[in-house]
Each structure stands twice: as C-alpha cells, then as structure tokens.
C-alpha cells in the first residue's frame, strides 16, 4: 500500500501533502479540478499565515501580491485602525497562492492527479486517507464524521477591481446586512469580498450600504462576481481509524476572521507530526485547540454582526480608544494564551458598559 491519499487539491490538501512528504511519506493528491484552483475569498494572509507558509517551505518573498500593514474598521460614522504588531501580511490572489503550493508539492515529489474525481473511497489503496475536499466534504460523509457541535453559515461574494490600492490596510466596512472587506492584492488590483446573513442579499446590495466605498469602485473595471458559503462549523470528531479531515472539511471559522488558510496550514503540520507516530489520536486531540483563539475572536465579531446597537456602541468606543483596538488586533494576529484573550474581551465588555453608563467618558 502507498502511504497517504489526499482527496482535494486546494490549499489545505496541498499543504498537507507538503508537510507529509517533507516527513518522508509517499503522498498522492487527487482532485476533480485542474490548477490553478480559484475560490471566492478575502485573499488576505495575516502575518501568522505567512509564517506558517514559510515553515512549509514556500518562499513568501516570491509570492506576487501586496504587503498588508494593518486592519481598519469603518461603520456608523466611525473609523479605527491599527498596524499588525509583528510583521506584515500579504494580499495575494488565490490562484497565485495555489500555483506556489503546487510548485512546492511537485518539487518534493508529491504525485498530483488532477482531473481525477474519486468515486469509491473504500477502493483507494493507501494506508491513510485525508479528506481535504472542502465544506461539502464527501470524505467526511463516507467516514461518518458529519456530527457537529456547532453549525451556521452565511453567504459570501467577491469580485476584483482593476485599480491602484488606496491603502495598505485591510479595510472592513460594517453595515446593517453584513460586511464588506477590501484587500489589495497587487499594485493595480484590489479584491472586495462581502459577507451577509441575508439569504436574498447579493454583492451590490451590501456594497450599496457603504456610499464612500461604492463611489471609489464606481468607475473601475470589475470582474464577474463569484459566490460561495462561509461557515462556522465545529465537528465532534475529525479523525477515525485511518481517515482524517483537514481544512474546511474538518470544520471552519467565518471568513471575516481572515484565518481560514492559516488554520489549514497549521493543521497540515500537526497532521504530519501525528502520522509519524502511526496514530491519529494526537491530531484529533490537538485539532480543536488550534482554532480556539480564532473561534473566540470570530464569535466576538459575529456578535457585532447580529446586534446593531452593540456594533454602533463598539465602533464608537474603539474609535475613541484606538489603543484598545490595537490590543484586539494584536490578540487576533499573535499566539496569545486563552486567558489573555478572555481578559482582552472582558476589557472590551467593560469599556462598552462604562461608555453606555457614562457616554461622555
């Protein structure tokens, strides 16, 4: 038997193949599509995501993109921004990232089988089967790993505009129906992604809630709109016997966190380390712990999405107290401990409460 078959050749599957091949496993990747594989997403890699890419041997300095220096929130007449405390991020087209991952996998000797859909997983002649086939994973269903402890979804849309970026920050616009976030991806191109809980809303509905942004985009050449689903999903089990899940197949965080890819890359390193022992127990145990910080920050941002009163109050408080926002950005982009993260969230809650009691404070 060959060592590992990975079903799904997106970033998560390729990252897993790179980590496993680097640890000496023979690896086959199978995907029904052909590269480069695109997807509607924010296309921003935070500093932590770039660091993990470098651990996988991807030369990030060679990735064609646009350096990202921080994050800025807009909403209800307020604006607040903060730089990344440790290094820069990178806005990069999903297709360029995929090409870099493919090149790294090929250089290591991973067997890549494109245009190769898998019909019967039980007939794969491999010791280990890894499901990296996305949010609607067929491997997950086949392995009976579908049980969730949490599952919710929103609509996401994205398009690109041929124009010079006006900022090196990732800009997040908060509105009544959802968010729009702007990511520079080249010297002459930006990506705009929108997220909404409204099932009938579309890209133009959300952008129309932000007149200043809409005016900036009005005359630029635009690509067709791509759509998809962004899910917040936690699985009870991500590994069983000789099968494991990775990336969105193994659960996901809402796209507004900007950490989906980085989580996949960290899971790839963890998976490779776990398989070295010949036992997936470590992967199952540690998988949930990897995403705790991101899930907590995602929960905080989703609270702002669901409550207009809380969102307006929070944006006003953060605008008045930019150092508090800088601390939240630091917690989101740095490997802080869970107690530190909870303390930071508690501090924000206290600031919101006191701002409500003493509006002039």
Protein backbone atom coordinates (compact mmCIF):
# COMPACT_ATOMS: atom_id res chain seq x y z
CA UNK A 1 0.00 0.00 0.00
CA UNK A 2 1.09 3.58 -0.64
CA UNK A 3 1.25 5.83 2.41
CA UNK A 4 -1.24 8.69 2.03
CA UNK A 5 -4.01 9.67 -0.38
CA UNK A 6 -5.31 13.22 -0.02
CA UNK A 7 -8.70 13.86 -1.61
CA UNK A 8 -8.80 17.53 -2.53
CA UNK A 9 -6.05 19.61 -4.11
CA UNK A 10 -6.88 23.05 -2.75
CA UNK A 11 -4.56 24.91 -0.35
CA UNK A 12 -5.39 22.64 2.62
CA UNK A 13 -4.76 19.43 0.68
CA UNK A 14 -1.56 20.74 -0.89
CA UNK A 15 -0.27 22.00 2.46
CA UNK A 16 -0.93 18.56 3.96
CA UNK A 17 0.88 16.88 1.05
CA UNK A 18 3.90 19.16 1.51
CA UNK A 19 4.10 18.57 5.27
CA UNK A 20 3.68 14.80 4.91
CA UNK A 21 6.14 14.46 2.03
CA UNK A 22 8.68 16.54 3.97
CA UNK A 23 8.35 13.95 6.75
CA UNK A 24 9.11 11.09 4.36
CA UNK A 25 5.62 9.83 3.43
CA UNK A 26 4.72 8.92 -0.12
CA UNK A 27 1.73 11.11 -0.99
CA UNK A 28 -0.89 11.16 -3.75
CA UNK A 29 -3.27 14.11 -4.18
CA UNK A 30 -6.46 13.60 -6.19
CA UNK A 31 -8.81 16.36 -7.36
CA UNK A 32 -11.55 16.55 -9.97
CA UNK A 33 -10.44 20.06 -10.98
CA UNK A 34 -7.34 21.36 -12.73
CA UNK A 35 -4.99 24.04 -11.35
CA UNK A 36 -4.85 26.82 -10.60
CA UNK A 37 -7.92 26.36 -8.41
CA UNK A 38 -9.76 29.59 -7.54
CA UNK A 39 -12.28 30.37 -4.81
CA UNK A 40 -14.24 33.40 -3.65
CA UNK A 41 -12.38 34.53 -0.52
CA UNK A 42 -10.78 37.55 1.12
CA UNK A 43 -7.28 36.70 -0.20
CA UNK A 44 -5.51 38.30 2.74
CA UNK A 45 -2.84 36.37 4.63
CA UNK A 46 -2.16 37.71 8.11
CA UNK A 47 1.44 37.68 9.43
CA UNK A 48 0.89 34.36 11.20
CA UNK A 49 -0.33 32.74 7.99
CA UNK A 50 2.81 33.86 6.15
CA UNK A 51 4.98 32.45 8.94
CA UNK A 52 3.36 29.01 8.60
CA UNK A 53 3.77 29.13 4.82
CA UNK A 54 7.48 29.64 5.35
CA UNK A 55 7.51 26.61 7.66
CA UNK A 56 6.09 24.62 4.74
CA UNK A 57 8.98 25.78 2.58
CA UNK A 58 7.01 28.28 0.46
CA UNK A 59 9.23 31.29 -0.41
CA UNK A 60 6.76 34.01 0.55
CA UNK A 61 9.12 36.72 -0.69
CA UNK A 62 8.49 35.36 -4.20
CA UNK A 63 4.70 35.50 -3.94
CA UNK A 64 3.30 38.23 -6.17
CA UNK A 65 0.92 40.27 -4.06
CA UNK A 66 0.60 43.43 -1.99
CA UNK A 67 2.03 43.98 1.51
CA UNK A 68 -0.60 44.48 4.22
CA UNK A 69 0.30 46.62 7.21
CA UNK A 70 -2.80 46.51 9.40
CA UNK A 71 -6.59 46.41 9.77
CA UNK A 72 -9.12 49.26 9.78
CA UNK A 73 -12.83 49.16 10.72
CA UNK A 74 -15.44 51.55 9.30
CA UNK A 75 -19.05 51.85 10.37
CA UNK A 76 -21.75 54.19 11.67
CA UNK A 77 -19.59 57.26 11.06
CA UNK A 78 -16.59 55.85 12.94
CA UNK A 79 -13.18 54.65 11.80
CA UNK A 80 -10.37 52.99 13.72
CA UNK A 81 -7.24 51.20 12.55
CA UNK A 82 -4.13 49.55 13.93
CA UNK A 83 -0.94 48.10 12.44
CA UNK A 84 0.00 44.46 12.71
CA UNK A 85 2.32 44.36 15.73
CA UNK A 86 4.70 41.73 14.35
CA UNK A 87 5.50 41.87 10.65
CA UNK A 88 3.33 42.39 7.60
CA UNK A 89 0.62 40.36 5.96
CA UNK A 90 0.13 39.80 2.24
CA UNK A 91 -2.79 40.25 -0.11
CA UNK A 92 -2.39 37.60 -2.80
CA UNK A 93 -4.71 36.22 -5.47
CA UNK A 94 -5.90 32.74 -4.59
CA UNK A 95 -4.69 31.44 -7.95
CA UNK A 96 -1.13 32.69 -7.33
CA UNK A 97 -1.07 31.08 -3.89
CA UNK A 98 -2.31 27.82 -5.38
CA UNK A 99 0.41 27.89 -8.04
CA UNK A 100 3.08 28.35 -5.35
CA UNK A 101 1.73 25.41 -3.34
CA UNK A 102 1.58 23.20 -6.44
CA UNK A 103 5.19 24.07 -7.31
CA UNK A 104 6.38 23.20 -3.80
CA UNK A 105 4.48 19.88 -3.79
CA UNK A 106 5.89 18.94 -7.20
CA UNK A 107 9.44 19.78 -6.12
CA UNK A 108 9.09 17.35 -3.19
CA UNK A 109 7.82 14.50 -5.35
CA UNK A 110 4.13 14.54 -4.41
CA UNK A 111 2.05 12.68 -7.00
CA UNK A 112 -0.60 15.13 -8.21
CA UNK A 113 -3.56 13.63 -10.06
CA UNK A 114 -5.70 16.43 -11.49
CA UNK A 115 -8.99 15.82 -13.27
CA UNK A 116 -9.33 12.68 -11.13
CA UNK A 117 -12.62 12.52 -9.21
CA UNK A 118 -12.85 9.82 -6.54
CA UNK A 119 -15.98 7.68 -6.78
CA UNK A 120 -15.29 4.97 -4.19
CA UNK A 121 -13.07 5.86 -1.23
CA UNK A 122 -13.02 2.29 0.04
CA UNK A 123 -11.05 1.19 -3.01
CA UNK A 124 -8.18 3.62 -2.52
CA UNK A 125 -5.04 1.59 -1.97
CA UNK A 126 -3.47 3.76 0.68
CA UNK A 127 -2.73 3.34 4.34
CA UNK A 128 -4.16 6.76 5.23
CA UNK A 129 -6.95 8.78 3.60
CA UNK A 130 -7.08 12.54 4.20
CA UNK A 131 -10.24 14.48 3.37
CA UNK A 132 -9.33 17.97 2.15
CA UNK A 133 -12.35 18.32 -0.09
CA UNK A 134 -13.93 21.41 1.39
CA UNK A 135 -17.04 22.48 3.18
CA UNK A 136 -19.28 19.87 1.45
CA UNK A 137 -16.72 17.10 2.02
CA UNK A 138 -17.63 13.69 0.58
CA UNK A 139 -14.83 12.06 2.56
CA UNK A 140 -16.43 13.36 5.76
CA UNK A 141 -19.75 11.77 4.84
CA UNK A 142 -18.09 8.50 3.76
CA UNK A 143 -16.13 8.25 7.03
CA UNK A 144 -19.24 9.13 9.09
CA UNK A 145 -17.57 12.16 10.64
CA UNK A 146 -20.51 14.51 9.96
CA UNK A 147 -21.62 15.06 13.54
CA UNK A 148 -21.31 18.72 14.55
CA UNK A 149 -21.48 20.56 17.84
CA UNK A 150 -21.97 23.87 16.03
CA UNK A 151 -23.02 24.76 12.50
CA UNK A 152 -24.04 28.08 10.95
CA UNK A 153 -23.47 29.68 7.58
CA UNK A 154 -23.52 33.00 5.74
CA UNK A 155 -23.34 33.97 2.08
CA UNK A 156 -20.11 35.34 0.66
CA UNK A 157 -19.44 37.15 -2.63
CA UNK A 158 -16.26 38.53 -4.17
CA UNK A 159 -15.06 40.48 -7.17
CA UNK A 160 -11.81 42.12 -8.26
CA UNK A 161 -11.30 45.70 -9.40
CA UNK A 162 -8.53 46.91 -11.70
CA UNK A 163 -7.32 49.93 -9.74
CA UNK A 164 -4.43 51.01 -7.55
CA UNK A 165 -4.98 50.30 -3.84
CA UNK A 166 -5.65 53.44 -1.79
CA UNK A 167 -4.44 51.85 1.45
CA UNK A 168 -2.10 49.10 2.67
CA UNK A 169 -4.61 48.14 5.38
CA UNK A 170 -7.33 45.50 5.15
CA UNK A 171 -10.50 47.60 5.38
CA UNK A 172 -13.63 46.13 6.97
CA UNK A 173 -16.91 48.02 6.48
CA UNK A 174 -19.72 47.19 8.91
CA UNK A 175 -23.32 47.65 7.76
CA UNK A 176 -26.87 46.64 8.57
CA UNK A 177 -26.85 43.48 6.47
CA UNK A 178 -23.22 42.39 6.63
CA UNK A 179 -19.65 43.39 5.98
CA UNK A 180 -17.50 44.34 3.01
CA UNK A 181 -13.78 43.92 3.28
CA UNK A 182 -11.23 45.32 0.90
CA UNK A 183 -7.85 43.64 0.34
CA UNK A 184 -5.16 44.97 -2.03
CA UNK A 185 -3.75 42.02 -4.00
CA UNK A 186 -1.43 43.79 -6.47
CA UNK A 187 -0.13 47.24 -7.36
CA UNK A 188 -3.07 47.63 -9.72
CA UNK A 189 -5.76 45.38 -8.25
CA UNK A 190 -7.95 45.07 -5.18
CA UNK A 191 -10.34 42.37 -4.05
CA UNK A 192 -13.66 43.18 -2.40
CA UNK A 193 -15.49 40.43 -0.50
CA UNK A 194 -18.87 40.79 1.15
CA UNK A 195 -20.46 38.60 3.81
CA UNK A 196 -24.12 38.58 4.73
CA UNK A 197 -26.62 36.61 6.77
CA UNK A 198 -29.45 37.73 4.42
CA UNK A 199 -30.29 34.91 2.04
CA UNK A 200 -31.66 37.28 -0.60
CA UNK A 201 -28.78 39.77 -0.49
CA UNK A 202 -26.18 39.96 -3.24
CA UNK A 203 -22.85 41.73 -3.73
CA UNK A 204 -24.30 45.04 -4.92
CA UNK A 205 -26.84 45.17 -2.06
CA UNK A 206 -24.10 45.09 0.58
CA UNK A 207 -21.72 47.48 -1.20
CA UNK A 208 -24.58 49.97 -1.60
CA UNK A 209 -24.67 50.30 2.20
CA UNK A 210 -21.26 52.00 2.05
CA UNK A 211 -21.54 55.02 -0.27
CA UNK A 212 -17.90 56.10 0.09
CA UNK A 213 -16.68 52.65 -0.91
CA UNK A 214 -19.26 52.37 -3.69
CA UNK A 215 -18.09 55.71 -5.12
CA UNK A 216 -14.43 54.59 -5.12
CA UNK A 217 -15.33 51.47 -7.08
CA UNK A 218 -17.82 53.05 -9.48
CA UNK A 219 -15.52 53.67 -12.45
CA UNK A 220 -13.05 50.77 -12.07
CA UNK A 221 -13.00 47.76 -14.37
CA UNK A 222 -14.55 44.88 -12.42
CA UNK A 223 -14.50 41.10 -12.72
CA UNK A 224 -17.66 38.95 -12.57
CA UNK A 225 -18.99 38.29 -9.07
CA UNK A 226 -18.11 34.93 -7.54
CA UNK A 227 -20.18 33.48 -4.71
CA UNK A 228 -19.96 30.85 -2.02
CA UNK A 229 -20.78 29.97 1.56
CA UNK A 230 -18.76 30.80 4.65
CA UNK A 231 -19.49 28.55 7.60
CA UNK A 232 -18.79 28.48 11.30
CA UNK A 233 -18.67 24.76 11.95
CA UNK A 234 -17.20 22.60 14.71
CA UNK A 235 -17.09 18.83 14.23
CA UNK A 236 -17.19 16.44 17.16
CA UNK A 237 -14.58 14.19 15.53
CA UNK A 238 -12.06 14.92 12.75
CA UNK A 239 -10.28 11.55 12.64
CA UNK A 240 -11.24 7.93 12.85
CA UNK A 241 -9.20 4.79 12.20
CA UNK A 242 -7.08 5.61 9.12
CA UNK A 243 -9.07 8.67 7.94
CA UNK A 244 -8.56 12.33 8.92
CA UNK A 245 -10.05 15.64 7.80
CA UNK A 246 -8.26 18.93 7.20
CA UNK A 247 -9.21 22.47 6.21
CA UNK A 248 -12.89 23.31 5.70
CA UNK A 249 -13.67 19.59 5.55
CA UNK A 250 -12.68 19.42 9.24
CA UNK A 251 -14.75 22.41 10.37
CA UNK A 252 -14.32 26.10 9.71
CA UNK A 253 -14.41 29.64 11.07
CA UNK A 254 -16.29 32.52 9.48
CA UNK A 255 -14.31 34.19 6.68
CA UNK A 256 -14.36 37.53 8.47
CA UNK A 257 -11.62 36.25 10.79
CA UNK A 258 -9.19 36.04 7.84
CA UNK A 259 -7.63 32.96 9.44
CA UNK A 260 -9.09 30.04 7.48
CA UNK A 261 -5.98 29.40 5.38
CA UNK A 262 -3.58 29.83 8.30
CA UNK A 263 -5.57 27.27 10.29
CA UNK A 264 -5.35 24.81 7.40
CA UNK A 265 -1.59 25.25 7.20
CA UNK A 266 -1.18 24.68 10.95
CA UNK A 267 -3.40 21.60 10.75
CA UNK A 268 -1.14 20.26 7.97
CA UNK A 269 1.94 20.47 10.19
CA UNK A 270 0.05 18.88 13.08
CA UNK A 271 -1.24 16.07 10.84
CA UNK A 272 2.23 15.24 9.57
CA UNK A 273 3.59 15.13 13.11
CA UNK A 274 0.73 12.91 14.26
CA UNK A 275 1.06 10.42 11.40
CA UNK A 276 4.75 9.97 12.19
CA UNK A 277 3.62 8.10 15.30
CA UNK A 278 1.26 5.96 13.23
CA UNK A 279 -1.71 7.15 15.29
CA UNK A 280 -4.20 9.96 14.64
CA UNK A 281 -5.03 10.40 18.34
CA UNK A 282 -2.79 13.45 18.71
CA UNK A 283 -4.32 15.09 15.65
CA UNK A 284 -7.84 14.54 16.96
CA UNK A 285 -6.94 15.95 20.39
CA UNK A 286 -4.97 18.99 19.20
CA UNK A 287 -7.09 19.96 16.18
CA UNK A 288 -9.74 21.69 18.29
CA UNK A 289 -7.14 23.55 20.37
CA UNK A 290 -5.53 25.05 17.26
CA UNK A 291 -8.57 27.15 16.42
CA UNK A 292 -9.70 28.26 19.90
CA UNK A 293 -8.26 31.78 19.64
CA UNK A 294 -9.68 32.31 16.15
CA UNK A 295 -13.10 30.95 17.15
CA UNK A 296 -13.28 33.31 20.12
CA UNK A 297 -12.36 36.34 18.01
CA UNK A 298 -14.83 35.18 15.36
CA UNK A 299 -17.58 34.93 17.97
CA UNK A 300 -16.84 38.49 19.08
CA UNK A 301 -17.10 39.82 15.53
CA UNK A 302 -20.28 37.87 14.86
CA UNK A 303 -21.86 39.48 17.92
CA UNK A 304 -21.26 42.84 16.23
CA UNK A 305 -22.83 41.46 13.05
CA UNK A 306 -26.01 40.33 14.83
CA UNK A 307 -26.62 43.38 17.03
CA UNK A 308 -26.80 46.84 15.50
CA UNK A 309 -26.91 48.51 18.94
CA UNK A 310 -23.82 46.64 20.12
CA UNK A 311 -21.99 47.28 16.83
CA UNK A 312 -22.58 51.03 16.94
CA UNK A 313 -21.52 51.22 20.55
CA UNK A 314 -18.42 49.09 19.99
CA UNK A 315 -17.26 51.06 16.94
CA UNK A 316 -17.69 54.33 18.82
CA UNK A 317 -15.77 53.01 21.83
CA UNK A 318 -12.96 51.60 19.68
CA UNK A 319 -12.75 54.83 17.68
CA UNK A 320 -12.40 56.79 20.93
CA UNK A 321 -9.90 54.28 22.35
CA UNK A 322 -7.59 53.26 19.48
CA UNK A 323 -5.14 51.55 21.84
CA UNK A 324 -7.89 49.10 22.79
CA UNK A 325 -8.43 48.30 19.11
CA UNK A 326 -4.68 47.86 18.67
CA UNK A 327 -4.70 45.34 21.52
CA UNK A 328 -7.55 43.40 19.88
CA UNK A 329 -5.62 43.31 16.58
CA UNK A 330 -2.57 42.04 18.48
CA UNK A 331 -4.62 39.29 20.12
CA UNK A 332 -6.09 38.30 16.76
CA UNK A 333 -2.77 38.09 14.94
CA UNK A 334 -0.49 36.78 17.71
CA UNK A 335 -0.42 33.45 19.52
CA UNK A 336 -1.73 34.80 22.83
CA UNK A 337 -2.97 32.46 25.53
CA UNK A 338 -6.68 31.85 26.01
CA UNK A 339 -6.67 33.61 29.44
CA UNK A 340 -5.08 36.66 27.79
CA UNK A 341 -7.69 36.61 25.06
CA UNK A 342 -10.55 36.29 27.54
CA UNK A 343 -9.10 39.15 29.58
CA UNK A 344 -8.97 41.32 26.45
CA UNK A 345 -12.58 40.53 25.58
CA UNK A 346 -13.62 41.25 29.17
CA UNK A 347 -11.86 44.61 28.95
CA UNK A 348 -13.78 45.45 25.79
CA UNK A 349 -17.03 44.45 27.53
CA UNK A 350 -16.19 46.73 30.46
CA UNK A 351 -15.40 49.62 28.11
CA UNK A 352 -18.73 49.12 26.35
CA UNK A 353 -20.60 49.05 29.65
CA UNK A 354 -18.95 52.18 31.03
CA UNK A 355 -19.40 54.01 27.72
CA UNK A 356 -23.11 53.24 27.93
CA UNK A 357 -23.35 54.46 31.54
CA UNK A 358 -21.13 57.48 31.03
CA UNK A 359 -21.41 58.46 27.34
CA UNK A 360 -19.00 61.35 27.67
CA UNK A 361 -16.25 59.32 29.30
